[in-house]
C-alpha atoms as a PDB file:
ATOM      1  CA  UNK A   1     -30.714 -72.066 -75.413  1.00  0.00           C
ATOM      2  CA  UNK A   2     -27.534 -72.408 -73.428  1.00  0.00           C
ATOM      3  CA  UNK A   3     -27.039 -68.637 -73.260  1.00  0.00           C
ATOM      4  CA  UNK A   4     -30.582 -68.059 -71.993  1.00  0.00           C
ATOM      5  CA  UNK A   5     -30.098 -70.567 -69.148  1.00  0.00           C
ATOM      6  CA  UNK A   6     -26.823 -68.920 -68.142  1.00  0.00           C
ATOM      7  CA  UNK A   7     -28.319 -65.418 -67.958  1.00  0.00           C
ATOM      8  CA  UNK A   8     -31.184 -66.671 -65.839  1.00  0.00           C
ATOM      9  CA  UNK A   9     -28.765 -68.354 -63.464  1.00  0.00           C
ATOM     10  CA  UNK A  10     -26.710 -65.162 -63.082  1.00  0.00           C
ATOM     11  CA  UNK A  11     -29.774 -63.096 -62.300  1.00  0.00           C
ATOM     12  CA  UNK A  12     -30.818 -65.602 -59.680  1.00  0.00           C
ATOM     13  CA  UNK A  13     -27.340 -65.545 -58.088  1.00  0.00           C
ATOM     14  CA  UNK A  14     -27.351 -61.749 -57.844  1.00  0.00           C
ATOM     15  CA  UNK A  15     -30.777 -61.805 -56.165  1.00  0.00           C
ATOM     16  CA  UNK A  16     -29.582 -64.362 -53.621  1.00  0.00           C
ATOM     17  CA  UNK A  17     -26.405 -62.259 -52.911  1.00  0.00           C
ATOM     18  CA  UNK A  18     -28.439 -59.135 -52.290  1.00  0.00           C
ATOM     19  CA  UNK A  19     -30.753 -61.033 -50.009  1.00  0.00           C
ATOM     20  CA  UNK A  20     -27.706 -62.189 -47.979  1.00  0.00           C
ATOM     21  CA  UNK A  21     -26.464 -58.580 -47.480  1.00  0.00           C
ATOM     22  CA  UNK A  22     -29.891 -57.565 -46.356  1.00  0.00           C
ATOM     23  CA  UNK A  23     -29.905 -60.399 -43.836  1.00  0.00           C
ATOM     24  CA  UNK A  24     -26.498 -59.339 -42.457  1.00  0.00           C
ATOM     25  CA  UNK A  25     -27.593 -55.687 -42.177  1.00  0.00           C
ATOM     26  CA  UNK A  26     -30.807 -56.728 -40.479  1.00  0.00           C
ATOM     27  CA  UNK A  27     -28.833 -58.851 -38.012  1.00  0.00           C
ATOM     28  CA  UNK A  28     -26.493 -55.963 -37.128  1.00  0.00           C
ATOM     29  CA  UNK A  29     -29.404 -53.587 -36.668  1.00  0.00           C
ATOM     30  CA  UNK A  30     -31.194 -56.103 -34.489  1.00  0.00           C
ATOM     31  CA  UNK A  31     -28.078 -56.528 -32.335  1.00  0.00           C
ATOM     32  CA  UNK A  32     -27.739 -52.755 -31.825  1.00  0.00           C
ATOM     33  CA  UNK A  33     -31.397 -52.411 -30.935  1.00  0.00           C
ATOM     34  CA  UNK A  34     -31.081 -55.338 -28.527  1.00  0.00           C
ATOM     35  CA  UNK A  35     -28.085 -53.720 -26.789  1.00  0.00           C
ATOM     36  CA  UNK A  36     -29.839 -50.385 -26.481  1.00  0.00           C
ATOM     37  CA  UNK A  37     -32.909 -52.070 -25.140  1.00  0.00           C
ATOM     38  CA  UNK A  38     -30.835 -53.982 -22.608  1.00  0.00           C
ATOM     39  CA  UNK A  39     -29.112 -50.777 -21.438  1.00  0.00           C
ATOM     40  CA  UNK A  40     -32.382 -48.915 -21.153  1.00  0.00           C
ATOM     41  CA  UNK A  41     -33.970 -51.810 -19.329  1.00  0.00           C
ATOM     42  CA  UNK A  42     -31.002 -52.095 -16.941  1.00  0.00           C
ATOM     43  CA  UNK A  43     -31.077 -48.394 -16.069  1.00  0.00           C
ATOM     44  CA  UNK A  44     -34.840 -48.444 -15.679  1.00  0.00           C
ATOM     45  CA  UNK A  45     -34.718 -51.517 -13.462  1.00  0.00           C
ATOM     46  CA  UNK A  46     -31.786 -50.094 -11.447  1.00  0.00           C
ATOM     47  CA  UNK A  47     -33.400 -46.704 -10.925  1.00  0.00           C
ATOM     48  CA  UNK A  48     -36.759 -48.252 -10.181  1.00  0.00           C
ATOM     49  CA  UNK A  49     -35.172 -50.669  -7.723  1.00  0.00           C
ATOM     50  CA  UNK A  50     -33.381 -47.847  -5.922  1.00  0.00           C
ATOM     51  CA  UNK A  51     -36.527 -45.728  -5.924  1.00  0.00           C
ATOM     52  CA  UNK A  52     -38.746 -48.572  -4.665  1.00  0.00           C
ATOM     53  CA  UNK A  53     -36.188 -49.847  -2.195  1.00  0.00           C
ATOM     54  CA  UNK A  54     -35.935 -53.345  -3.656  1.00  0.00           C
ATOM     55  CA  UNK A  55     -33.564 -55.661  -1.762  1.00  0.00           C
ATOM     56  CA  UNK A  56     -29.951 -55.511  -2.944  1.00  0.00           C
ATOM     57  CA  UNK A  57     -30.224 -52.243  -4.885  1.00  0.00           C
ATOM     58  CA  UNK A  58     -29.610 -49.779  -2.012  1.00  0.00           C
ATOM     59  CA  UNK A  59     -26.018 -50.960  -1.223  1.00  0.00           C
ATOM     60  CA  UNK A  60     -25.068 -50.721  -4.888  1.00  0.00           C
ATOM     61  CA  UNK A  61     -26.471 -47.173  -5.111  1.00  0.00           C
ATOM     62  CA  UNK A  62     -24.615 -46.134  -1.954  1.00  0.00           C
ATOM     63  CA  UNK A  63     -21.371 -47.570  -3.339  1.00  0.00           C
ATOM     64  CA  UNK A  64     -21.734 -45.634  -6.592  1.00  0.00           C
ATOM     65  CA  UNK A  65     -22.526 -42.376  -4.806  1.00  0.00           C
ATOM     66  CA  UNK A  66     -19.698 -42.946  -2.334  1.00  0.00           C
ATOM     67  CA  UNK A  67     -17.185 -43.345  -5.144  1.00  0.00           C
ATOM     68  CA  UNK A  68     -18.395 -40.145  -6.762  1.00  0.00           C
ATOM     69  CA  UNK A  69     -18.277 -38.274  -3.445  1.00  0.00           C
ATOM     70  CA  UNK A  70     -14.765 -39.568  -2.737  1.00  0.00           C
ATOM     71  CA  UNK A  71     -13.573 -38.381  -6.143  1.00  0.00           C
ATOM     72  CA  UNK A  72     -15.085 -34.939  -5.602  1.00  0.00           C
ATOM     73  CA  UNK A  73     -13.593 -34.698  -2.106  1.00  0.00           C
ATOM     74  CA  UNK A  74     -10.163 -35.702  -3.378  1.00  0.00           C
ATOM     75  CA  UNK A  75     -10.379 -33.047  -6.119  1.00  0.00           C
ATOM     76  CA  UNK A  76     -11.469 -30.349  -3.661  1.00  0.00           C
ATOM     77  CA  UNK A  77      -8.774 -31.323  -1.151  1.00  0.00           C
ATOM     78  CA  UNK A  78      -6.072 -31.118  -3.817  1.00  0.00           C
ATOM     79  CA  UNK A  79      -7.259 -27.632  -4.752  1.00  0.00           C
ATOM     80  CA  UNK A  80      -7.459 -26.552  -1.107  1.00  0.00           C
ATOM     81  CA  UNK A  81      -3.928 -27.788  -0.463  1.00  0.00           C
ATOM     82  CA  UNK A  82      -2.645 -25.895  -3.498  1.00  0.00           C
ATOM     83  CA  UNK A  83      -4.416 -22.720  -2.336  1.00  0.00           C
ATOM     84  CA  UNK A  84      -2.989 -23.190   1.169  1.00  0.00           C
ATOM     85  CA  UNK A  85       0.531 -23.388  -0.249  1.00  0.00           C
ATOM     86  CA  UNK A  86      -0.024 -20.222  -2.253  1.00  0.00           C
ATOM     87  CA  UNK A  87      -1.408 -18.581   0.871  1.00  0.00           C
ATOM     88  CA  UNK A  88       1.788 -19.431   2.732  1.00  0.00           C
ATOM     89  CA  UNK A  89       3.874 -17.940  -0.069  1.00  0.00           C
ATOM     90  CA  UNK A  90       1.765 -14.767   0.004  1.00  0.00           C
ATOM     91  CA  UNK A  91       2.203 -14.455   3.770  1.00  0.00           C
ATOM     92  CA  UNK A  92       5.980 -14.830   3.418  1.00  0.00           C
ATOM     93  CA  UNK A  93       6.009 -12.168   0.700  1.00  0.00           C
ATOM     94  CA  UNK A  94       3.992  -9.838   2.930  1.00  0.00           C
ATOM     95  CA  UNK A  95       6.630 -10.210   5.637  1.00  0.00           C
ATOM     96  CA  UNK A  96       9.287  -9.170   3.120  1.00  0.00           C
ATOM     97  CA  UNK A  97       7.183  -6.164   2.107  1.00  0.00           C
ATOM     98  CA  UNK A  98       6.814  -5.211   5.774  1.00  0.00           C
ATOM     99  CA  UNK A  99      10.571  -5.289   6.292  1.00  0.00           C
ATOM    100  CA  UNK A 100      11.203  -3.260   3.133  1.00  0.00           C
ATOM    101  CA  UNK A 101       8.505  -0.742   4.078  1.00  0.00           C
ATOM    102  CA  UNK A 102      10.080  -0.248   7.489  1.00  0.00           C
ATOM    103  CA  UNK A 103      13.497   0.510   5.976  1.00  0.00           C
ATOM    104  CA  UNK A 104      12.077   2.835   3.314  1.00  0.00           C
ATOM    105  CA  UNK A 105      10.020   4.658   5.946  1.00  0.00           C
ATOM    106  CA  UNK A 106      13.233   5.380   7.843  1.00  0.00           C
ATOM    107  CA  UNK A 107      14.840   6.771   4.684  1.00  0.00           C
ATOM    108  CA  UNK A 108      11.796   8.997   4.156  1.00  0.00           C
ATOM    109  CA  UNK A 109      12.139  10.442   7.645  1.00  0.00           C
ATOM    110  CA  UNK A 110       8.994   8.749   8.919  1.00  0.00           C
ATOM    111  CA  UNK A 111       8.776   6.860  12.174  1.00  0.00           C
ATOM    112  CA  UNK A 112       9.332   3.181  11.315  1.00  0.00           C
ATOM    113  CA  UNK A 113       7.259   2.256  14.363  1.00  0.00           C
ATOM    114  CA  UNK A 114       4.218   3.584  12.517  1.00  0.00           C
ATOM    115  CA  UNK A 115       4.720   0.837   9.975  1.00  0.00           C
ATOM    116  CA  UNK A 116       3.119  -1.792  12.201  1.00  0.00           C
ATOM    117  CA  UNK A 117       4.498  -5.237  11.622  1.00  0.00           C
ATOM    118  CA  UNK A 118       2.415  -8.328  12.407  1.00  0.00           C
ATOM    119  CA  UNK A 119       3.020  -9.925  15.766  1.00  0.00           C
ATOM    120  CA  UNK A 120       5.655 -12.640  15.756  1.00  0.00           C
ATOM    121  CA  UNK A 121       4.583 -16.258  15.882  1.00  0.00           C
ATOM    122  CA  UNK A 122       6.341 -19.595  15.673  1.00  0.00           C
ATOM    123  CA  UNK A 123       7.314 -22.756  17.553  1.00  0.00           C
ATOM    124  CA  UNK A 124       7.782 -26.435  16.875  1.00  0.00           C
ATOM    125  CA  UNK A 125       5.225 -28.150  14.677  1.00  0.00           C
ATOM    126  CA  UNK A 126       3.736 -30.881  16.870  1.00  0.00           C
ATOM    127  CA  UNK A 127       0.858 -31.934  14.652  1.00  0.00           C
ATOM    128  CA  UNK A 128      -0.583 -30.521  11.501  1.00  0.00           C
ATOM    129  CA  UNK A 129      -3.917 -30.712   9.751  1.00  0.00           C
ATOM    130  CA  UNK A 130      -5.380 -29.539   6.499  1.00  0.00           C
ATOM    131  CA  UNK A 131      -7.050 -26.140   6.314  1.00  0.00           C
ATOM    132  CA  UNK A 132     -10.766 -25.986   5.833  1.00  0.00           C
ATOM    133  CA  UNK A 133     -12.435 -23.775   3.265  1.00  0.00           C
ATOM    134  CA  UNK A 134     -13.687 -21.460   6.020  1.00  0.00           C
ATOM    135  CA  UNK A 135     -10.195 -21.061   7.514  1.00  0.00           C
ATOM    136  CA  UNK A 136      -8.704 -20.447   4.093  1.00  0.00           C
ATOM    137  CA  UNK A 137     -11.336 -17.792   3.344  1.00  0.00           C
ATOM    138  CA  UNK A 138     -10.639 -16.007   6.647  1.00  0.00           C
ATOM    139  CA  UNK A 139      -6.883 -16.019   5.964  1.00  0.00           C
ATOM    140  CA  UNK A 140      -7.382 -14.616   2.462  1.00  0.00           C
ATOM    141  CA  UNK A 141      -9.640 -11.861   3.806  1.00  0.00           C
ATOM    142  CA  UNK A 142      -7.011 -10.976   6.394  1.00  0.00           C
ATOM    143  CA  UNK A 143      -4.294 -10.716   3.742  1.00  0.00           C
ATOM    144  CA  UNK A 144      -6.548  -8.550   1.593  1.00  0.00           C
ATOM    145  CA  UNK A 145      -7.162  -6.109   4.446  1.00  0.00           C
ATOM    146  CA  UNK A 146      -3.520  -5.966   5.495  1.00  0.00           C
ATOM    147  CA  UNK A 147      -2.330  -5.506   1.921  1.00  0.00           C
ATOM    148  CA  UNK A 148      -4.693  -2.543   1.520  1.00  0.00           C
ATOM    149  CA  UNK A 149      -3.263  -0.841   4.610  1.00  0.00           C
ATOM    150  CA  UNK A 150       0.273  -1.492   3.400  1.00  0.00           C
ATOM    151  CA  UNK A 151      -0.519   0.074   0.035  1.00  0.00           C
ATOM    152  CA  UNK A 152      -1.842   3.172   1.817  1.00  0.00           C
ATOM    153  CA  UNK A 153       1.246   3.389   3.988  1.00  0.00           C
ATOM    154  CA  UNK A 154       3.683   2.918   1.101  1.00  0.00           C
ATOM    155  CA  UNK A 155       1.787   5.620  -0.808  1.00  0.00           C
ATOM    156  CA  UNK A 156       2.511   8.004   2.063  1.00  0.00           C
ATOM    157  CA  UNK A 157       6.181   6.995   2.000  1.00  0.00           C
ATOM    158  CA  UNK A 158       6.313   7.510  -1.763  1.00  0.00           C
ATOM    159  CA  UNK A 159       4.777  10.960  -1.400  1.00  0.00           C
ATOM    160  CA  UNK A 160       7.290  11.922   1.273  1.00  0.00           C
ATOM    161  CA  UNK A 161      10.230  10.699  -0.817  1.00  0.00           C
ATOM    162  CA  UNK A 162       8.891  12.587  -3.832  1.00  0.00           C
ATOM    163  CA  UNK A 163       8.626  15.782  -1.775  1.00  0.00           C
ATOM    164  CA  UNK A 164      12.183  15.327  -0.561  1.00  0.00           C
ATOM    165  CA  UNK A 165      13.392  14.799  -4.113  1.00  0.00           C
ATOM    166  CA  UNK A 166      11.663  17.994  -5.224  1.00  0.00           C
ATOM    167  CA  UNK A 167      13.141  19.896  -2.314  1.00  0.00           C
ATOM    168  CA  UNK A 168      16.639  18.648  -3.121  1.00  0.00           C
ATOM    169  CA  UNK A 169      16.310  19.772  -6.719  1.00  0.00           C
ATOM    170  CA  UNK A 170      15.236  23.226  -5.488  1.00  0.00           C
ATOM    171  CA  UNK A 171      18.265  23.715  -3.215  1.00  0.00           C
ATOM    172  CA  UNK A 172      21.283  25.426  -4.904  1.00  0.00           C
ATOM    173  CA  UNK A 173      23.932  22.747  -4.523  1.00  0.00           C
ATOM    174  CA  UNK A 174      25.122  22.649  -8.170  1.00  0.00           C
ATOM    175  CA  UNK A 175      28.297  24.628  -8.805  1.00  0.00           C
ATOM    176  CA  UNK A 176      27.294  27.346 -11.315  1.00  0.00           C
ATOM    177  CA  UNK A 177      30.649  27.271 -13.157  1.00  0.00           C
ATOM    178  CA  UNK A 178      32.018  23.747 -13.508  1.00  0.00           C
ATOM    179  CA  UNK A 179      35.585  22.886 -12.545  1.00  0.00           C
ATOM    180  CA  UNK A 180      36.404  26.432 -11.496  1.00  0.00           C
ATOM    181  CA  UNK A 181      37.939  27.252  -8.103  1.00  0.00           C
ATOM    182  CA  UNK A 182      36.507  30.098  -6.044  1.00  0.00           C
ATOM    183  CA  UNK A 183      38.379  33.373  -6.306  1.00  0.00           C
ATOM    184  CA  UNK A 184      36.876  35.739  -3.744  1.00  0.00           C
ATOM    185  CA  UNK A 185      34.792  34.251  -0.947  1.00  0.00           C
ATOM    186  CA  UNK A 186      31.781  35.415   1.027  1.00  0.00           C
ATOM    187  CA  UNK A 187      32.468  37.926   3.821  1.00  0.00           C
ATOM    188  CA  UNK A 188      34.406  41.114   4.431  1.00  0.00           C
ATOM    189  CA  UNK A 189      37.312  41.818   2.090  1.00  0.00           C
ATOM    190  CA  UNK A 190      39.282  44.646   0.548  1.00  0.00           C
ATOM    191  CA  UNK A 191      37.151  45.961  -2.282  1.00  0.00           C
ATOM    192  CA  UNK A 192      39.142  45.586  -5.563  1.00  0.00           C
ATOM    193  CA  UNK A 193      37.955  48.984  -6.829  1.00  0.00           C
ATOM    194  CA  UNK A 194      37.871  51.263  -3.763  1.00  0.00           C
ATOM    195  CA  UNK A 195      40.567  49.463  -1.752  1.00  0.00           C
ATOM    196  CA  UNK A 196      38.449  49.711   1.407  1.00  0.00           C
ATOM    197  CA  UNK A 197      36.904  47.001   3.553  1.00  0.00           C
ATOM    198  CA  UNK A 198      33.497  45.935   2.288  1.00  0.00           C
ATOM    199  CA  UNK A 199      31.126  43.020   2.589  1.00  0.00           C
ATOM    200  CA  UNK A 200      31.280  40.609  -0.330  1.00  0.00           C
ATOM    201  CA  UNK A 201      27.817  39.038  -0.490  1.00  0.00           C
ATOM    202  CA  UNK A 202      28.660  36.080  -2.722  1.00  0.00           C
ATOM    203  CA  UNK A 203      31.328  33.944  -4.359  1.00  0.00           C
ATOM    204  CA  UNK A 204      33.433  34.901  -7.380  1.00  0.00           C
ATOM    205  CA  UNK A 205      34.302  32.261  -9.995  1.00  0.00           C
ATOM    206  CA  UNK A 206      37.038  33.624 -12.333  1.00  0.00           C
ATOM    207  CA  UNK A 207      36.707  32.068 -15.807  1.00  0.00           C
ATOM    208  CA  UNK A 208      37.258  32.879 -19.453  1.00  0.00           C
ATOM    209  CA  UNK A 209      34.585  34.906 -21.239  1.00  0.00           C
ATOM    210  CA  UNK A 210      31.921  32.666 -22.716  1.00  0.00           C
ATOM    211  CA  UNK A 211      32.297  29.938 -20.077  1.00  0.00           C
ATOM    212  CA  UNK A 212      28.842  28.426 -19.425  1.00  0.00           C
ATOM    213  CA  UNK A 213      26.943  29.445 -16.305  1.00  0.00           C
ATOM    214  CA  UNK A 214      24.349  26.891 -15.110  1.00  0.00           C
ATOM    215  CA  UNK A 215      21.492  27.118 -12.652  1.00  0.00           C
ATOM    216  CA  UNK A 216      22.519  25.913  -9.205  1.00  0.00           C
ATOM    217  CA  UNK A 217      19.018  24.490  -8.717  1.00  0.00           C
ATOM    218  CA  UNK A 218      15.645  24.332 -10.429  1.00  0.00           C
ATOM    219  CA  UNK A 219      13.305  27.283 -10.185  1.00  0.00           C
ATOM    220  CA  UNK A 220      11.668  30.229 -11.922  1.00  0.00           C
ATOM    221  CA  UNK A 221      13.524  33.226 -13.364  1.00  0.00           C
ATOM    222  CA  UNK A 222      12.182  36.278 -11.541  1.00  0.00           C
ATOM    223  CA  UNK A 223      14.744  38.881 -12.658  1.00  0.00           C
ATOM    224  CA  UNK A 224      16.621  39.264 -15.908  1.00  0.00           C
ATOM    225  CA  UNK A 225      17.984  42.765 -16.384  1.00  0.00           C
ATOM    226  CA  UNK A 226      21.050  44.955 -16.622  1.00  0.00           C
ATOM    227  CA  UNK A 227      22.156  46.338 -13.249  1.00  0.00           C
ATOM    228  CA  UNK A 228      24.731  49.104 -12.792  1.00  0.00           C
ATOM    229  CA  UNK A 229      26.704  47.081 -10.243  1.00  0.00           C
ATOM    230  CA  UNK A 230      25.831  43.503 -11.275  1.00  0.00           C
ATOM    231  CA  UNK A 231      25.820  44.019 -15.041  1.00  0.00           C
ATOM    232  CA  UNK A 232      23.767  41.397 -16.907  1.00  0.00           C
ATOM    233  CA  UNK A 233      22.003  39.767 -13.972  1.00  0.00           C
ATOM    234  CA  UNK A 234      19.700  36.764 -13.510  1.00  0.00           C
ATOM    235  CA  UNK A 235      17.774  35.881 -10.367  1.00  0.00           C
ATOM    236  CA  UNK A 236      16.080  32.499  -9.893  1.00  0.00           C
ATOM    237  CA  UNK A 237      13.425  31.866  -7.260  1.00  0.00           C
ATOM    238  CA  UNK A 238      13.633  28.326  -5.843  1.00  0.00           C
ATOM    239  CA  UNK A 239      10.695  28.619  -3.449  1.00  0.00           C
ATOM    240  CA  UNK A 240      10.685  28.866   0.352  1.00  0.00           C
ATOM    241  CA  UNK A 241      12.121  32.418   0.050  1.00  0.00           C
ATOM    242  CA  UNK A 242      15.312  31.038  -1.515  1.00  0.00           C
ATOM    243  CA  UNK A 243      16.841  33.033  -4.411  1.00  0.00           C
ATOM    244  CA  UNK A 244      20.110  32.728  -6.317  1.00  0.00           C
ATOM    245  CA  UNK A 245      21.714  35.607  -8.242  1.00  0.00           C
ATOM    246  CA  UNK A 246      24.129  35.385 -11.201  1.00  0.00           C
ATOM    247  CA  UNK A 247      25.969  38.597 -12.153  1.00  0.00           C
ATOM    248  CA  UNK A 248      28.430  40.109 -14.689  1.00  0.00           C
ATOM    249  CA  UNK A 249      27.336  37.784 -17.539  1.00  0.00           C
ATOM    250  CA  UNK A 250      28.314  38.510 -21.117  1.00  0.00           C
ATOM    251  CA  UNK A 251      25.252  36.707 -22.532  1.00  0.00           C
ATOM    252  CA  UNK A 252      21.968  35.603 -21.003  1.00  0.00           C
ATOM    253  CA  UNK A 253      19.855  32.748 -22.431  1.00  0.00           C
ATOM    254  CA  UNK A 254      16.782  32.964 -20.202  1.00  0.00           C
ATOM    255  CA  UNK A 255      14.135  35.587 -19.557  1.00  0.00           C
ATOM    256  CA  UNK A 256      11.791  36.476 -16.729  1.00  0.00           C
ATOM    257  CA  UNK A 257       9.148  33.814 -16.188  1.00  0.00           C
ATOM    258  CA  UNK A 258      11.192  30.914 -17.598  1.00  0.00           C
ATOM    259  CA  UNK A 259      11.289  27.650 -15.660  1.00  0.00           C
ATOM    260  CA  UNK A 260      14.832  26.292 -15.441  1.00  0.00           C
ATOM    261  CA  UNK A 261      16.220  22.960 -14.313  1.00  0.00           C
ATOM    262  CA  UNK A 262      19.236  22.218 -12.191  1.00  0.00           C
ATOM    263  CA  UNK A 263      22.364  22.321 -14.354  1.00  0.00           C
ATOM    264  CA  UNK A 264      20.648  24.152 -17.236  1.00  0.00           C
ATOM    265  CA  UNK A 265      22.801  26.735 -19.040  1.00  0.00           C
ATOM    266  CA  UNK A 266      21.386  30.181 -18.316  1.00  0.00           C
ATOM    267  CA  UNK A 267      24.257  32.552 -19.251  1.00  0.00           C
ATOM    268  CA  UNK A 268      27.950  32.922 -20.092  1.00  0.00           C
ATOM    269  CA  UNK A 269      30.768  34.411 -18.039  1.00  0.00           C
ATOM    270  CA  UNK A 270      31.553  38.083 -18.748  1.00  0.00           C
ATOM    271  CA  UNK A 271      32.721  41.270 -17.081  1.00  0.00           C
ATOM    272  CA  UNK A 272      29.698  43.562 -17.345  1.00  0.00           C
ATOM    273  CA  UNK A 273      28.801  46.016 -14.565  1.00  0.00           C
ATOM    274  CA  UNK A 274      31.129  46.772 -11.662  1.00  0.00           C
ATOM    275  CA  UNK A 275      33.845  44.260 -12.454  1.00  0.00           C
ATOM    276  CA  UNK A 276      37.626  44.176 -12.889  1.00  0.00           C
ATOM    277  CA  UNK A 277      37.693  41.029 -15.088  1.00  0.00           C
ATOM    278  CA  UNK A 278      35.659  38.125 -16.430  1.00  0.00           C
ATOM    279  CA  UNK A 279      34.068  36.115 -13.630  1.00  0.00           C
ATOM    280  CA  UNK A 280      30.726  35.012 -12.230  1.00  0.00           C
ATOM    281  CA  UNK A 281      29.470  36.655  -9.059  1.00  0.00           C
ATOM    282  CA  UNK A 282      27.134  34.131  -7.406  1.00  0.00           C
ATOM    283  CA  UNK A 283      24.842  34.942  -4.473  1.00  0.00           C
ATOM    284  CA  UNK A 284      22.321  33.000  -2.358  1.00  0.00           C
ATOM    285  CA  UNK A 285      19.559  34.868  -0.531  1.00  0.00           C
ATOM    286  CA  UNK A 286      17.224  33.369   2.095  1.00  0.00           C
ATOM    287  CA  UNK A 287      14.291  35.483   3.278  1.00  0.00           C
ATOM    288  CA  UNK A 288      16.037  38.611   1.962  1.00  0.00           C
ATOM    289  CA  UNK A 289      19.332  37.933   3.774  1.00  0.00           C
ATOM    290  CA  UNK A 290      22.530  37.029   1.862  1.00  0.00           C
ATOM    291  CA  UNK A 291      23.988  33.655   2.795  1.00  0.00           C
ATOM    292  CA  UNK A 292      27.367  32.045   2.214  1.00  0.00           C
ATOM    293  CA  UNK A 293      26.874  30.059  -1.028  1.00  0.00           C
ATOM    294  CA  UNK A 294      29.789  27.763  -0.173  1.00  0.00           C
ATOM    295  CA  UNK A 295      27.665  26.042   2.478  1.00  0.00           C
ATOM    296  CA  UNK A 296      25.117  25.025  -0.141  1.00  0.00           C
ATOM    297  CA  UNK A 297      27.758  23.946  -2.665  1.00  0.00           C
ATOM    298  CA  UNK A 298      29.581  21.918  -0.014  1.00  0.00           C
ATOM    299  CA  UNK A 299      26.339  20.082   0.753  1.00  0.00           C
ATOM    300  CA  UNK A 300      26.041  19.200  -2.923  1.00  0.00           C
ATOM    301  CA  UNK A 301      29.615  17.879  -3.027  1.00  0.00           C
ATOM    302  CA  UNK A 302      29.028  15.755   0.075  1.00  0.00           C
ATOM    303  CA  UNK A 303      25.867  14.315  -1.436  1.00  0.00           C
ATOM    304  CA  UNK A 304      27.641  13.483  -4.701  1.00  0.00           C
ATOM    305  CA  UNK A 305      30.499  11.741  -2.860  1.00  0.00           C
ATOM    306  CA  UNK A 306      28.077   9.824  -0.648  1.00  0.00           C
ATOM    307  CA  UNK A 307      26.226   8.254  -3.598  1.00  0.00           C
ATOM    308  CA  UNK A 308      29.165   6.104  -4.881  1.00  0.00           C
ATOM    309  CA  UNK A 309      29.888   4.993  -1.311  1.00  0.00           C
ATOM    310  CA  UNK A 310      26.280   4.028  -0.787  1.00  0.00           C
ATOM    311  CA  UNK A 311      26.219   2.085  -4.047  1.00  0.00           C
ATOM    312  CA  UNK A 312      29.462   0.306  -3.125  1.00  0.00           C
ATOM    313  CA  UNK A 313      28.132  -0.833   0.272  1.00  0.00           C
ATOM    314  CA  UNK A 314      24.583  -1.629  -0.891  1.00  0.00           C
ATOM    315  CA  UNK A 315      23.604  -5.290  -0.810  1.00  0.00           C
ATOM    316  CA  UNK A 316      21.621  -6.830  -3.660  1.00  0.00           C
END
């Protein structure tokens, strides 16, 4: 009998405990629903009051909207100020580009005055104000237009410099036999075979057989043959009616139609043809008239000596 009473009491206790949990859960749920209802009611009343123009609601609505507008204005102003600073940096960089373009134009042989710089402006800053969006847009459009014209101009300068580089590589200023002094120069001399005065139409470079002969400039091989007087002969056309001739070679490493670069090995020194000993006979022809090759080689030496000097005096 005692055991039966105890089991009944335990069952009753568990039922009461579960009922308590349910009451707590119901209370929490009721509190949440009450809060949501209060929020919904507040927003409905507030919006309705603003919409209907109830007394006291309009100032509160204006205050809320004013705070939002102030925050948006502050955000926009911060962005505008940042863009204005970047605009100033871009304008300063454009001035540097203008100065560089003017100097490079002079090096390219163009008139630096054609590289129009913006008109100078300056003075003491008396009072300043923030830029508006319209003013900032106009300034950006102006930079875009000016940058496009500068790109066009610098493209012209680049093209001119490229043409000059090509022309320099096509002018025979490279000594065809390295580190070899000239033996017989251009002009009238006593012919070594006949002993009579005769015109020597080139320069002679005495050297050991097999010494490399290089192209004095880039061009196209137009003649590669054996000539009774010149022996194994190579002629290179450099354009603009400019031709160089290499004679008396023992070996030739190019053929007609080959494109050669400045300094490329084209033959080896020999004594073929009308020759008294191993040497290179080097000629330069312009429009069918023989020229003194030493003038071209001297120009190449001056250019080579000017480069280290220019590098030494150049400022970073």
